[in-house]
PDB file of all heavy atoms in Angstrom:
ATOM      1  N   SER A   1      67.900  36.899  49.555  1.00  0.00           N
ATOM      2  CA  SER A   1      68.602  36.341  50.789  1.00  0.00           C
ATOM      3  C   SER A   1      69.666  37.336  51.173  1.00  0.00           C
ATOM      4  O   SER A   1      70.497  37.734  50.403  1.00  0.00           O
ATOM      5  CB  SER A   1      69.150  35.028  50.567  1.00  0.00           C
ATOM      6  OG  SER A   1      68.219  34.063  50.188  1.00  0.00           O
ATOM      7  N   ALA A   2      69.508  37.940  52.389  1.00  0.00           N
ATOM      8  CA  ALA A   2      70.423  38.901  52.864  1.00  0.00           C
ATOM      9  C   ALA A   2      71.100  38.619  54.198  1.00  0.00           C
ATOM     10  O   ALA A   2      70.579  37.826  55.032  1.00  0.00           O
ATOM     11  CB  ALA A   2      69.646  40.281  53.083  1.00  0.00           C
ATOM     12  N   PRO A   3      72.374  39.158  54.351  1.00  0.00           N
ATOM     13  CA  PRO A   3      73.011  38.888  55.690  1.00  0.00           C
ATOM     14  C   PRO A   3      72.240  39.440  56.851  1.00  0.00           C
ATOM     15  O   PRO A   3      71.489  40.449  56.717  1.00  0.00           O
ATOM     16  CB  PRO A   3      74.318  39.663  55.415  1.00  0.00           C
ATOM     17  CG  PRO A   3      74.461  39.855  54.047  1.00  0.00           C
ATOM     18  CD  PRO A   3      73.060  39.895  53.433  1.00  0.00           C
ATOM     19  N   GLN A   4      72.256  38.771  57.927  1.00  0.00           N
ATOM     20  CA  GLN A   4      71.382  39.181  59.120  1.00  0.00           C
ATOM     21  C   GLN A   4      71.687  40.526  59.592  1.00  0.00           C
ATOM     22  O   GLN A   4      70.854  41.269  60.139  1.00  0.00           O
ATOM     23  CB  GLN A   4      71.634  38.185  60.296  1.00  0.00           C
ATOM     24  CG  GLN A   4      71.080  36.734  59.952  1.00  0.00           C
ATOM     25  CD  GLN A   4      71.426  35.732  60.996  1.00  0.00           C
ATOM     26  OE1 GLN A   4      72.348  35.990  61.805  1.00  0.00           O
ATOM     27  NE2 GLN A   4      70.767  34.676  60.950  1.00  0.00           N
ATOM     28  N   ARG A   5      72.960  41.030  59.439  1.00  0.00           N
ATOM     29  CA  ARG A   5      73.314  42.292  59.805  1.00  0.00           C
ATOM     30  C   ARG A   5      72.849  43.468  59.003  1.00  0.00           C
ATOM     31  O   ARG A   5      72.862  44.691  59.295  1.00  0.00           O
ATOM     32  CB  ARG A   5      74.896  42.504  59.931  1.00  0.00           C
ATOM     33  CG  ARG A   5      75.442  42.381  58.518  1.00  0.00           C
ATOM     34  CD  ARG A   5      76.903  42.511  58.595  1.00  0.00           C
ATOM     35  NE  ARG A   5      77.600  42.463  57.158  1.00  0.00           N
ATOM     36  CZ  ARG A   5      77.837  41.466  56.436  1.00  0.00           C
ATOM     37  NH1 ARG A   5      77.432  40.197  56.988  1.00  0.00           N
ATOM     38  NH2 ARG A   5      78.302  41.503  55.306  1.00  0.00           N
ATOM     39  N   MET A   6      72.244  43.156  57.774  1.00  0.00           N
ATOM     40  CA  MET A   6      71.812  44.164  56.839  1.00  0.00           C
ATOM     41  C   MET A   6      70.501  44.769  57.213  1.00  0.00           C
ATOM     42  O   MET A   6      69.488  44.069  57.379  1.00  0.00           O
ATOM     43  CB  MET A   6      71.834  43.517  55.392  1.00  0.00           C
ATOM     44  CG  MET A   6      71.734  44.548  54.231  1.00  0.00           C
ATOM     45  SD  MET A   6      72.003  43.668  52.684  1.00  0.00           S
ATOM     46  CE  MET A   6      71.906  45.096  51.577  1.00  0.00           C
ATOM     47  N   GLU A   7      70.480  46.022  57.301  1.00  0.00           N
ATOM     48  CA  GLU A   7      69.148  46.778  57.646  1.00  0.00           C
ATOM     49  C   GLU A   7      68.166  46.614  56.455  1.00  0.00           C
ATOM     50  O   GLU A   7      68.537  46.600  55.284  1.00  0.00           O
ATOM     51  CB  GLU A   7      69.438  48.178  57.837  1.00  0.00           C
ATOM     52  CG  GLU A   7      70.356  48.471  59.030  1.00  0.00           C
ATOM     53  CD  GLU A   7      69.622  48.106  60.384  1.00  0.00           C
ATOM     54  OE1 GLU A   7      68.385  48.064  60.442  1.00  0.00           O
ATOM     55  OE2 GLU A   7      70.363  47.794  61.390  1.00  0.00           O
ATOM     56  N   ILE A   8      66.965  46.657  56.783  1.00  0.00           N
ATOM     57  CA  ILE A   8      65.863  46.488  55.795  1.00  0.00           C
ATOM     58  C   ILE A   8      65.874  47.560  54.755  1.00  0.00           C
ATOM     59  O   ILE A   8      65.553  47.411  53.585  1.00  0.00           O
ATOM     60  CB  ILE A   8      64.467  46.308  56.455  1.00  0.00           C
ATOM     61  CG1 ILE A   8      63.414  45.894  55.518  1.00  0.00           C
ATOM     62  CG2 ILE A   8      64.086  47.627  57.126  1.00  0.00           C
ATOM     63  CD1 ILE A   8      63.735  44.469  54.886  1.00  0.00           C
ATOM     64  N   GLU A   9      66.237  48.887  55.241  1.00  0.00           N
ATOM     65  CA  GLU A   9      66.169  49.974  54.250  1.00  0.00           C
ATOM     66  C   GLU A   9      67.332  49.805  53.272  1.00  0.00           C
ATOM     67  O   GLU A   9      67.146  50.203  52.133  1.00  0.00           O
ATOM     68  CB  GLU A   9      66.378  51.247  55.082  1.00  0.00           C
ATOM     69  CG  GLU A   9      66.233  52.487  54.216  1.00  0.00           C
ATOM     70  CD  GLU A   9      64.809  52.505  53.538  1.00  0.00           C
ATOM     71  OE1 GLU A   9      63.829  51.984  54.078  1.00  0.00           O
ATOM     72  OE2 GLU A   9      64.719  53.044  52.379  1.00  0.00           O
ATOM     73  N   ALA A  10      68.426  49.236  53.642  1.00  0.00           N
ATOM     74  CA  ALA A  10      69.497  48.955  52.766  1.00  0.00           C
ATOM     75  C   ALA A  10      69.145  47.903  51.723  1.00  0.00           C
ATOM     76  O   ALA A  10      69.517  47.963  50.540  1.00  0.00           O
ATOM     77  CB  ALA A  10      70.744  48.494  53.510  1.00  0.00           C
ATOM     78  N   ILE A  11      68.388  46.928  52.175  1.00  0.00           N
ATOM     79  CA  ILE A  11      67.915  45.859  51.248  1.00  0.00           C
ATOM     80  C   ILE A  11      66.896  46.486  50.309  1.00  0.00           C
ATOM     81  O   ILE A  11      66.848  46.134  49.101  1.00  0.00           O
ATOM     82  CB  ILE A  11      67.242  44.696  52.110  1.00  0.00           C
ATOM     83  CG1 ILE A  11      68.262  44.064  53.029  1.00  0.00           C
ATOM     84  CG2 ILE A  11      66.603  43.655  51.148  1.00  0.00           C
ATOM     85  CD1 ILE A  11      67.615  43.119  54.042  1.00  0.00           C
ATOM     86  N   ARG A  12      66.027  47.364  50.808  1.00  0.00           N
ATOM     87  CA  ARG A  12      65.064  47.947  49.973  1.00  0.00           C
ATOM     88  C   ARG A  12      65.783  48.851  48.757  1.00  0.00           C
ATOM     89  O   ARG A  12      65.395  48.678  47.585  1.00  0.00           O
ATOM     90  CB  ARG A  12      64.209  49.006  50.708  1.00  0.00           C
ATOM     91  CG  ARG A  12      63.188  49.744  49.745  1.00  0.00           C
ATOM     92  CD  ARG A  12      62.440  50.814  50.703  1.00  0.00           C
ATOM     93  NE  ARG A  12      61.658  50.169  51.635  1.00  0.00           N
ATOM     94  CZ  ARG A  12      60.364  49.722  51.474  1.00  0.00           C
ATOM     95  NH1 ARG A  12      59.775  49.844  50.304  1.00  0.00           N
ATOM     96  NH2 ARG A  12      59.709  49.122  52.477  1.00  0.00           N
ATOM     97  N   LEU A  13      66.910  49.576  49.121  1.00  0.00           N
ATOM     98  CA  LEU A  13      67.635  50.373  48.154  1.00  0.00           C
ATOM     99  C   LEU A  13      68.297  49.406  47.202  1.00  0.00           C
ATOM    100  O   LEU A  13      68.383  49.749  45.970  1.00  0.00           O
ATOM    101  CB  LEU A  13      68.647  51.187  48.932  1.00  0.00           C
ATOM    102  CG  LEU A  13      68.093  52.448  49.665  1.00  0.00           C
ATOM    103  CD1 LEU A  13      69.209  53.045  50.488  1.00  0.00           C
ATOM    104  CD2 LEU A  13      67.323  53.375  48.813  1.00  0.00           C
ATOM    105  N   TYR A  14      68.725  48.228  47.634  1.00  0.00           N
ATOM    106  CA  TYR A  14      69.458  47.268  46.772  1.00  0.00           C
ATOM    107  C   TYR A  14      68.399  46.816  45.709  1.00  0.00           C
ATOM    108  O   TYR A  14      68.684  46.642  44.555  1.00  0.00           O
ATOM    109  CB  TYR A  14      70.012  46.139  47.554  1.00  0.00           C
ATOM    110  CG  TYR A  14      70.519  44.969  46.731  1.00  0.00           C
ATOM    111  CD1 TYR A  14      71.716  45.023  46.154  1.00  0.00           C
ATOM    112  CD2 TYR A  14      69.640  43.874  46.539  1.00  0.00           C
ATOM    113  CE1 TYR A  14      72.140  43.910  45.370  1.00  0.00           C
ATOM    114  CE2 TYR A  14      70.073  42.823  45.776  1.00  0.00           C
ATOM    115  CZ  TYR A  14      71.300  42.871  45.137  1.00  0.00           C
ATOM    116  OH  TYR A  14      71.761  41.848  44.465  1.00  0.00           O
ATOM    117  N   ALA A  15      67.218  46.482  46.250  1.00  0.00           N
ATOM    118  CA  ALA A  15      66.117  45.907  45.377  1.00  0.00           C
ATOM    119  C   ALA A  15      65.704  46.839  44.359  1.00  0.00           C
ATOM    120  O   ALA A  15      65.539  46.637  43.186  1.00  0.00           O
ATOM    121  CB  ALA A  15      64.992  45.489  46.189  1.00  0.00           C
ATOM    122  N   ILE A  16      65.630  48.158  44.720  1.00  0.00           N
ATOM    123  CA  ILE A  16      65.270  49.254  43.823  1.00  0.00           C
ATOM    124  C   ILE A  16      66.274  49.408  42.704  1.00  0.00           C
ATOM    125  O   ILE A  16      65.903  49.546  41.539  1.00  0.00           O
ATOM    126  CB  ILE A  16      65.051  50.563  44.514  1.00  0.00           C
ATOM    127  CG1 ILE A  16      63.841  50.510  45.474  1.00  0.00           C
ATOM    128  CG2 ILE A  16      64.952  51.750  43.595  1.00  0.00           C
ATOM    129  CD1 ILE A  16      63.670  51.727  46.383  1.00  0.00           C
ATOM    130  N   SER A  17      67.471  49.242  43.015  1.00  0.00           N
ATOM    131  CA  SER A  17      68.564  49.358  42.026  1.00  0.00           C
ATOM    132  C   SER A  17      68.596  48.143  41.079  1.00  0.00           C
ATOM    133  O   SER A  17      69.170  48.311  39.956  1.00  0.00           O
ATOM    134  CB  SER A  17      69.993  49.340  42.756  1.00  0.00           C
ATOM    135  OG  SER A  17      70.371  48.078  43.258  1.00  0.00           O
ATOM    136  N   LYS A  18      67.914  47.148  41.490  1.00  0.00           N
ATOM    137  CA  LYS A  18      67.869  45.879  40.530  1.00  0.00           C
ATOM    138  C   LYS A  18      66.420  45.786  39.849  1.00  0.00           C
ATOM    139  O   LYS A  18      66.173  44.820  39.260  1.00  0.00           O
ATOM    140  CB  LYS A  18      68.178  44.662  41.346  1.00  0.00           C
ATOM    141  CG  LYS A  18      69.516  44.637  42.007  1.00  0.00           C
ATOM    142  CD  LYS A  18      70.643  44.569  40.996  1.00  0.00           C
ATOM    143  CE  LYS A  18      71.981  44.339  41.614  1.00  0.00           C
ATOM    144  NZ  LYS A  18      73.013  44.280  40.534  1.00  0.00           N
ATOM    145  N   LEU A  19      65.598  46.792  40.026  1.00  0.00           N
ATOM    146  CA  LEU A  19      64.231  46.709  39.441  1.00  0.00           C
ATOM    147  C   LEU A  19      64.270  46.414  37.927  1.00  0.00           C
ATOM    148  O   LEU A  19      63.429  45.583  37.448  1.00  0.00           O
ATOM    149  CB  LEU A  19      63.442  47.910  39.756  1.00  0.00           C
ATOM    150  CG  LEU A  19      62.790  47.970  41.024  1.00  0.00           C
ATOM    151  CD1 LEU A  19      62.072  49.293  41.316  1.00  0.00           C
ATOM    152  CD2 LEU A  19      61.715  46.806  41.213  1.00  0.00           C
ATOM    153  N   GLY A  20      65.059  47.084  37.204  1.00  0.00           N
ATOM    154  CA  GLY A  20      65.175  46.750  35.771  1.00  0.00           C
ATOM    155  C   GLY A  20      65.452  45.331  35.378  1.00  0.00           C
ATOM    156  O   GLY A  20      64.833  44.755  34.577  1.00  0.00           O
ATOM    157  N   TRP A  21      66.473  44.839  36.068  1.00  0.00           N
ATOM    158  CA  TRP A  21      66.828  43.389  35.941  1.00  0.00           C
ATOM    159  C   TRP A  21      65.683  42.469  36.226  1.00  0.00           C
ATOM    160  O   TRP A  21      65.455  41.476  35.586  1.00  0.00           O
ATOM    161  CB  TRP A  21      68.099  43.133  36.765  1.00  0.00           C
ATOM    162  CG  TRP A  21      68.623  41.689  36.567  1.00  0.00           C
ATOM    163  CD1 TRP A  21      69.512  41.321  35.656  1.00  0.00           C
ATOM    164  CD2 TRP A  21      68.293  40.644  37.418  1.00  0.00           C
ATOM    165  NE1 TRP A  21      69.753  39.976  35.914  1.00  0.00           N
ATOM    166  CE2 TRP A  21      69.016  39.570  36.911  1.00  0.00           C
ATOM    167  CE3 TRP A  21      67.469  40.370  38.470  1.00  0.00           C
ATOM    168  CZ2 TRP A  21      69.035  38.263  37.513  1.00  0.00           C
ATOM    169  CZ3 TRP A  21      67.367  39.104  39.021  1.00  0.00           C
ATOM    170  CH2 TRP A  21      68.117  38.067  38.610  1.00  0.00           C
ATOM    171  N   ILE A  22      65.028  42.746  37.403  1.00  0.00           N
ATOM    172  CA  ILE A  22      63.895  42.003  37.891  1.00  0.00           C
ATOM    173  C   ILE A  22      62.833  41.894  36.904  1.00  0.00           C
ATOM    174  O   ILE A  22      62.257  40.851  36.519  1.00  0.00           O
ATOM    175  CB  ILE A  22      63.409  42.571  39.290  1.00  0.00           C
ATOM    176  CG1 ILE A  22      64.470  42.229  40.316  1.00  0.00           C
ATOM    177  CG2 ILE A  22      62.094  41.790  39.617  1.00  0.00           C
ATOM    178  CD1 ILE A  22      64.088  42.925  41.669  1.00  0.00           C
ATOM    179  N   LYS A  23      62.333  43.095  36.363  1.00  0.00           N
ATOM    180  CA  LYS A  23      61.356  43.191  35.497  1.00  0.00           C
ATOM    181  C   LYS A  23      61.610  42.464  34.134  1.00  0.00           C
ATOM    182  O   LYS A  23      60.739  41.823  33.513  1.00  0.00           O
ATOM    183  CB  LYS A  23      60.874  44.627  35.230  1.00  0.00           C
ATOM    184  CG  LYS A  23      60.233  45.315  36.506  1.00  0.00           C
ATOM    185  CD  LYS A  23      59.897  46.669  36.207  1.00  0.00           C
ATOM    186  CE  LYS A  23      59.189  47.319  37.415  1.00  0.00           C
ATOM    187  NZ  LYS A  23      58.811  48.802  37.161  1.00  0.00           N
ATOM    188  N   GLU A  24      62.869  42.547  33.734  1.00  0.00           N
ATOM    189  CA  GLU A  24      63.288  41.911  32.481  1.00  0.00           C
ATOM    190  C   GLU A  24      63.088  40.425  32.551  1.00  0.00           C
ATOM    191  O   GLU A  24      62.581  39.756  31.731  1.00  0.00           O
ATOM    192  CB  GLU A  24      64.771  42.229  32.109  1.00  0.00           C
ATOM    193  CG  GLU A  24      65.312  41.578  30.909  1.00  0.00           C
ATOM    194  CD  GLU A  24      66.748  41.833  30.670  1.00  0.00           C
ATOM    195  OE1 GLU A  24      67.302  42.792  31.375  1.00  0.00           O
ATOM    196  OE2 GLU A  24      67.344  41.153  29.862  1.00  0.00           O
TER     197      GLU A  24
END
């Protein structure tokens, strides 16, 4: 869930930074 002002590319970079946590 992301703020409406947040660009999709910024959300993508955020998700990539959390991939280890997600997979765990």
